[in-house]
Amino acid sequence: MPTTLTATRSQAFKGNLLIKDLFISNPFEADPTSSYNATTSVIVIDEDHLDETPKRCQIEWKAGVSTPDSAQHQCENNTLRVWFPKNTFRGVGNFQLQLAHTTIDTEQVKPPLV
């Protein structure tokens, strides 16, 4: 099964999210005696705001846990969220990763004339 990356966005977001770098490490998959945590990191660029610094998100879960459904995730700001949908992580070569981006539309719009 191929790897799938899904991006969702709010109506105010007019561009695309660009995934610059994706890294997944799951030592337990290669060595069942490993006690090292599994880690996923991704760098995301908002193509509407190329002048902004790319944001890094990371997901980490304990060794031996087959699916990171309740994995701890954190991003460098609160507008991004990255996670593995339930039961979609089957190893470093077979997973689905979802990415959500929230923006606040500060554009002022004139009310319609009545």
N, C-alpha and C. Protein backbone atom coordinates (compact mmCIF):
# COMPACT_ATOMS: atom_id res chain seq x y z
N MET A 1 0.84 -1.18 0.00
CA MET A 1 0.00 0.00 0.00
C MET A 1 0.89 1.24 0.00
N PRO A 2 0.64 2.23 -0.86
CA PRO A 2 1.48 3.42 -0.92
C PRO A 2 1.23 4.34 0.27
N THR A 3 2.22 5.15 0.56
CA THR A 3 2.12 6.15 1.61
C THR A 3 1.21 7.28 1.14
N THR A 4 0.33 7.77 2.03
CA THR A 4 -0.61 8.83 1.67
C THR A 4 -0.41 10.02 2.59
N LEU A 5 -0.32 11.20 2.03
CA LEU A 5 -0.27 12.44 2.80
C LEU A 5 -1.51 13.24 2.45
N THR A 6 -2.25 13.64 3.45
CA THR A 6 -3.50 14.36 3.22
C THR A 6 -3.42 15.72 3.90
N ALA A 7 -3.74 16.78 3.19
CA ALA A 7 -3.76 18.12 3.78
C ALA A 7 -5.18 18.66 3.73
N THR A 8 -5.63 19.21 4.83
CA THR A 8 -6.93 19.87 4.86
C THR A 8 -6.69 21.32 5.23
N ARG A 9 -7.60 22.19 4.85
CA ARG A 9 -7.41 23.61 5.15
C ARG A 9 -8.74 24.31 5.29
N SER A 10 -8.70 25.47 5.91
CA SER A 10 -9.93 26.26 6.09
C SER A 10 -10.26 27.00 4.80
N GLN A 11 -11.44 27.56 4.73
CA GLN A 11 -11.88 28.29 3.54
C GLN A 11 -10.99 29.50 3.27
N ALA A 12 -10.46 30.14 4.32
CA ALA A 12 -9.67 31.35 4.14
C ALA A 12 -8.29 31.07 3.55
N PHE A 13 -7.85 29.87 3.61
CA PHE A 13 -6.53 29.49 3.13
C PHE A 13 -6.60 29.32 1.62
N LYS A 14 -5.81 30.09 0.88
CA LYS A 14 -5.94 30.10 -0.58
C LYS A 14 -4.86 29.30 -1.30
N GLY A 15 -3.84 28.88 -0.58
CA GLY A 15 -2.73 28.20 -1.25
C GLY A 15 -2.60 26.75 -0.85
N ASN A 16 -1.41 26.27 -0.92
CA ASN A 16 -1.12 24.87 -0.61
C ASN A 16 -0.13 24.77 0.53
N LEU A 17 -0.16 23.64 1.18
CA LEU A 17 0.87 23.32 2.15
C LEU A 17 1.90 22.46 1.45
N LEU A 18 3.14 22.82 1.60
CA LEU A 18 4.23 22.09 0.98
C LEU A 18 4.97 21.32 2.07
N ILE A 19 5.09 20.02 1.91
CA ILE A 19 5.84 19.21 2.85
C ILE A 19 7.28 19.17 2.36
N LYS A 20 8.15 19.83 3.12
CA LYS A 20 9.54 19.96 2.71
C LYS A 20 10.35 18.73 3.11
N ASP A 21 10.07 18.17 4.24
CA ASP A 21 10.87 17.07 4.74
C ASP A 21 10.00 16.17 5.60
N LEU A 22 10.12 14.88 5.42
CA LEU A 22 9.38 13.91 6.22
C LEU A 22 10.37 12.85 6.68
N PHE A 23 10.42 12.63 7.98
CA PHE A 23 11.35 11.67 8.56
C PHE A 23 10.58 10.77 9.52
N ILE A 24 10.74 9.45 9.36
CA ILE A 24 10.10 8.49 10.27
C ILE A 24 11.15 7.51 10.75
N SER A 25 11.24 7.37 12.06
CA SER A 25 12.17 6.42 12.65
C SER A 25 11.39 5.53 13.61
N ASN A 26 11.45 4.23 13.39
CA ASN A 26 10.76 3.28 14.26
C ASN A 26 11.73 2.12 14.53
N PRO A 27 12.70 2.33 15.45
CA PRO A 27 13.72 1.31 15.71
C PRO A 27 13.13 -0.05 16.11
N PHE A 28 12.01 -0.05 16.81
CA PHE A 28 11.38 -1.28 17.27
C PHE A 28 10.95 -2.16 16.10
N GLU A 29 10.62 -1.53 14.96
CA GLU A 29 10.19 -2.29 13.77
C GLU A 29 11.34 -3.18 13.26
N ALA A 30 12.56 -2.67 13.31
CA ALA A 30 13.72 -3.43 12.84
C ALA A 30 14.29 -4.34 13.92
N ASP A 31 14.15 -3.91 15.18
CA ASP A 31 14.71 -4.67 16.30
C ASP A 31 13.69 -4.71 17.43
N PRO A 32 12.95 -5.80 17.57
CA PRO A 32 11.91 -5.90 18.61
C PRO A 32 12.41 -5.76 20.04
N THR A 33 13.73 -5.78 20.24
CA THR A 33 14.26 -5.57 21.59
C THR A 33 14.61 -4.11 21.86
N SER A 34 14.47 -3.27 20.85
CA SER A 34 14.82 -1.85 21.00
C SER A 34 13.87 -1.16 21.97
N SER A 35 14.43 -0.29 22.79
CA SER A 35 13.61 0.49 23.72
C SER A 35 13.54 1.96 23.30
N TYR A 36 14.07 2.27 22.12
CA TYR A 36 14.03 3.65 21.63
C TYR A 36 12.63 3.99 21.11
N ASN A 37 12.17 5.20 21.43
CA ASN A 37 10.86 5.65 20.97
C ASN A 37 10.86 5.85 19.46
N ALA A 38 9.70 5.71 18.87
CA ALA A 38 9.52 5.98 17.44
C ALA A 38 9.25 7.48 17.28
N THR A 39 9.73 8.04 16.18
CA THR A 39 9.60 9.48 15.96
C THR A 39 9.25 9.75 14.51
N THR A 40 8.39 10.71 14.31
CA THR A 40 8.08 11.23 12.98
C THR A 40 8.23 12.74 13.04
N SER A 41 8.91 13.31 12.08
CA SER A 41 8.97 14.77 12.01
C SER A 41 8.70 15.18 10.57
N VAL A 42 8.08 16.33 10.45
CA VAL A 42 7.73 16.85 9.13
C VAL A 42 7.92 18.37 9.17
N ILE A 43 8.43 18.92 8.09
CA ILE A 43 8.56 20.38 7.97
C ILE A 43 7.55 20.83 6.93
N VAL A 44 6.73 21.81 7.32
CA VAL A 44 5.62 22.27 6.48
C VAL A 44 5.82 23.74 6.13
N ILE A 45 5.57 24.07 4.87
CA ILE A 45 5.66 25.45 4.39
C ILE A 45 4.29 25.87 3.90
N ASP A 46 3.83 27.04 4.33
CA ASP A 46 2.59 27.63 3.85
C ASP A 46 2.93 28.41 2.59
N GLU A 47 2.50 27.92 1.43
CA GLU A 47 2.86 28.56 0.17
C GLU A 47 2.24 29.95 0.00
N ASP A 48 1.23 30.29 0.80
CA ASP A 48 0.69 31.65 0.78
C ASP A 48 1.63 32.64 1.44
N HIS A 49 2.46 32.14 2.34
CA HIS A 49 3.33 33.01 3.14
C HIS A 49 4.75 32.45 3.11
N LEU A 50 5.37 32.50 1.95
CA LEU A 50 6.72 31.96 1.79
C LEU A 50 7.74 32.73 2.60
N ASP A 51 7.38 33.94 3.02
CA ASP A 51 8.30 34.74 3.83
C ASP A 51 8.37 34.23 5.28
N GLU A 52 7.39 33.42 5.69
CA GLU A 52 7.40 32.87 7.05
C GLU A 52 8.34 31.68 7.13
N THR A 53 8.85 31.45 8.32
CA THR A 53 9.74 30.31 8.56
C THR A 53 8.94 29.02 8.46
N PRO A 54 9.48 28.01 7.78
CA PRO A 54 8.79 26.71 7.75
C PRO A 54 8.57 26.20 9.17
N LYS A 55 7.48 25.49 9.38
CA LYS A 55 7.11 24.98 10.71
C LYS A 55 7.43 23.50 10.80
N ARG A 56 7.96 23.10 11.94
CA ARG A 56 8.31 21.69 12.17
C ARG A 56 7.30 21.08 13.13
N CYS A 57 6.84 19.91 12.79
CA CYS A 57 5.95 19.14 13.67
C CYS A 57 6.61 17.80 13.96
N GLN A 58 6.35 17.30 15.15
CA GLN A 58 6.94 16.02 15.55
C GLN A 58 5.90 15.17 16.27
N ILE A 59 5.95 13.88 15.99
CA ILE A 59 5.09 12.90 16.67
C ILE A 59 6.03 11.87 17.29
N GLU A 60 5.79 11.54 18.53
CA GLU A 60 6.64 10.54 19.19
C GLU A 60 5.76 9.56 19.95
N TRP A 61 6.14 8.26 19.90
CA TRP A 61 5.41 7.26 20.66
C TRP A 61 6.38 6.20 21.16
N LYS A 62 5.97 5.51 22.20
CA LYS A 62 6.83 4.55 22.89
C LYS A 62 7.14 3.33 22.03
N ALA A 63 8.33 2.80 22.24
CA ALA A 63 8.75 1.58 21.54
C ALA A 63 7.80 0.44 21.84
N GLY A 64 7.50 -0.35 20.83
CA GLY A 64 6.64 -1.51 21.03
C GLY A 64 5.17 -1.24 20.79
N VAL A 65 4.79 0.02 20.71
CA VAL A 65 3.39 0.36 20.44
C VAL A 65 3.21 0.32 18.92
N SER A 66 2.31 -0.52 18.44
CA SER A 66 2.20 -0.71 17.00
C SER A 66 1.55 0.45 16.28
N THR A 67 0.61 1.11 16.91
CA THR A 67 -0.02 2.26 16.25
C THR A 67 0.05 3.48 17.15
N PRO A 68 0.45 4.60 16.61
CA PRO A 68 0.59 5.81 17.41
C PRO A 68 -0.71 6.61 17.51
N ASP A 69 -1.85 5.92 17.69
CA ASP A 69 -3.14 6.62 17.74
C ASP A 69 -3.17 7.70 18.82
N SER A 70 -2.55 7.41 19.95
CA SER A 70 -2.56 8.38 21.04
C SER A 70 -1.19 9.02 21.20
N ALA A 71 -0.42 9.03 20.13
CA ALA A 71 0.93 9.57 20.19
C ALA A 71 0.91 11.06 20.51
N GLN A 72 1.95 11.45 21.21
CA GLN A 72 2.09 12.86 21.55
C GLN A 72 2.59 13.60 20.30
N HIS A 73 1.91 14.66 19.92
CA HIS A 73 2.34 15.43 18.75
C HIS A 73 2.47 16.88 19.14
N GLN A 74 3.44 17.54 18.55
CA GLN A 74 3.56 18.96 18.79
C GLN A 74 4.14 19.63 17.56
N CYS A 75 3.66 20.84 17.31
CA CYS A 75 4.14 21.64 16.20
C CYS A 75 4.70 22.95 16.77
N GLU A 76 5.48 23.62 15.95
CA GLU A 76 6.11 24.85 16.42
C GLU A 76 5.14 26.00 16.62
N ASN A 77 3.93 25.86 16.11
CA ASN A 77 2.90 26.86 16.40
C ASN A 77 1.55 26.16 16.45
N ASN A 78 0.52 26.89 16.87
CA ASN A 78 -0.79 26.26 17.08
C ASN A 78 -1.68 26.28 15.84
N THR A 79 -1.16 26.65 14.68
CA THR A 79 -1.98 26.65 13.46
C THR A 79 -1.86 25.32 12.71
N LEU A 80 -0.92 24.48 13.12
CA LEU A 80 -0.71 23.20 12.44
C LEU A 80 -1.00 22.04 13.39
N ARG A 81 -1.46 20.95 12.81
CA ARG A 81 -1.64 19.71 13.56
C ARG A 81 -1.33 18.56 12.61
N VAL A 82 -0.51 17.63 13.07
CA VAL A 82 -0.13 16.47 12.28
C VAL A 82 -0.42 15.23 13.11
N TRP A 83 -1.02 14.21 12.48
CA TRP A 83 -1.33 12.98 13.22
C TRP A 83 -1.51 11.82 12.26
N PHE A 84 -1.43 10.62 12.83
CA PHE A 84 -1.75 9.40 12.09
C PHE A 84 -3.21 9.07 12.39
N PRO A 85 -4.08 9.01 11.39
CA PRO A 85 -5.46 8.58 11.66
C PRO A 85 -5.45 7.18 12.28
N LYS A 86 -6.47 6.89 13.04
CA LYS A 86 -6.57 5.63 13.77
C LYS A 86 -6.33 4.42 12.86
N ASN A 87 -5.46 3.54 13.31
CA ASN A 87 -5.13 2.27 12.64
C ASN A 87 -4.53 2.43 11.23
N THR A 88 -3.85 3.54 10.97
CA THR A 88 -3.27 3.72 9.63
C THR A 88 -1.76 3.59 9.62
N PHE A 89 -1.12 3.50 10.78
CA PHE A 89 0.34 3.31 10.80
C PHE A 89 0.63 1.82 10.90
N ARG A 90 1.19 1.28 9.82
CA ARG A 90 1.53 -0.15 9.78
C ARG A 90 3.02 -0.35 9.58
N GLY A 91 3.80 0.69 9.78
CA GLY A 91 5.24 0.64 9.62
C GLY A 91 5.73 1.82 8.81
N VAL A 92 7.05 1.97 8.75
CA VAL A 92 7.62 3.14 8.06
C VAL A 92 7.34 3.15 6.56
N GLY A 93 6.98 2.03 5.99
CA GLY A 93 6.67 1.98 4.57
C GLY A 93 5.19 1.88 4.27
N ASN A 94 4.35 1.95 5.29
CA ASN A 94 2.91 1.77 5.09
C ASN A 94 2.15 2.54 6.16
N PHE A 95 1.84 3.78 5.85
CA PHE A 95 1.16 4.64 6.82
C PHE A 95 0.37 5.74 6.10
N GLN A 96 -0.48 6.38 6.86
CA GLN A 96 -1.20 7.56 6.37
C GLN A 96 -0.99 8.65 7.41
N LEU A 97 -0.60 9.82 6.97
CA LEU A 97 -0.34 10.95 7.84
C LEU A 97 -1.28 12.08 7.45
N GLN A 98 -1.97 12.66 8.41
CA GLN A 98 -2.85 13.78 8.10
C GLN A 98 -2.27 15.06 8.66
N LEU A 99 -2.52 16.14 7.95
CA LEU A 99 -2.02 17.45 8.30
C LEU A 99 -3.17 18.43 8.21
N ALA A 100 -3.38 19.20 9.27
CA ALA A 100 -4.43 20.23 9.26
C ALA A 100 -3.79 21.59 9.50
N HIS A 101 -4.27 22.58 8.82
CA HIS A 101 -3.76 23.95 8.95
C HIS A 101 -4.94 24.87 9.20
N THR A 102 -4.86 25.67 10.24
CA THR A 102 -5.93 26.61 10.57
C THR A 102 -5.40 28.02 10.38
N THR A 103 -6.15 28.85 9.71
CA THR A 103 -5.76 30.25 9.54
C THR A 103 -6.88 31.15 10.02
N ILE A 104 -6.50 32.37 10.35
CA ILE A 104 -7.49 33.38 10.72
C ILE A 104 -7.50 34.40 9.59
N ASP A 105 -8.66 34.59 9.00
CA ASP A 105 -8.78 35.53 7.89
C ASP A 105 -8.95 36.93 8.47
N THR A 106 -7.92 37.76 8.29
CA THR A 106 -7.97 39.12 8.82
C THR A 106 -8.41 40.13 7.77
N GLU A 107 -8.75 39.65 6.60
CA GLU A 107 -9.18 40.55 5.52
C GLU A 107 -10.52 41.17 5.87
N GLN A 108 -10.60 42.49 5.74
CA GLN A 108 -11.85 43.17 6.05
C GLN A 108 -12.74 43.16 4.80
N VAL A 109 -13.97 42.81 5.00
CA VAL A 109 -14.91 42.74 3.90
C VAL A 109 -16.05 43.72 4.18
N LYS A 110 -16.43 44.47 3.14
CA LYS A 110 -17.53 45.41 3.29
C LYS A 110 -18.83 44.62 3.35
N PRO A 111 -19.74 45.02 4.26
CA PRO A 111 -21.04 44.34 4.30
C PRO A 111 -21.82 44.63 3.02
N PRO A 112 -22.69 43.72 2.61
CA PRO A 112 -23.48 43.94 1.40
C PRO A 112 -24.45 45.10 1.59
N LEU A 113 -24.68 45.83 0.50
CA LEU A 113 -25.64 46.93 0.55
C LEU A 113 -27.05 46.37 0.52
N VAL A 114 -27.89 46.91 1.35
CA VAL A 114 -29.27 46.41 1.41
C VAL A 114 -30.18 47.35 0.67
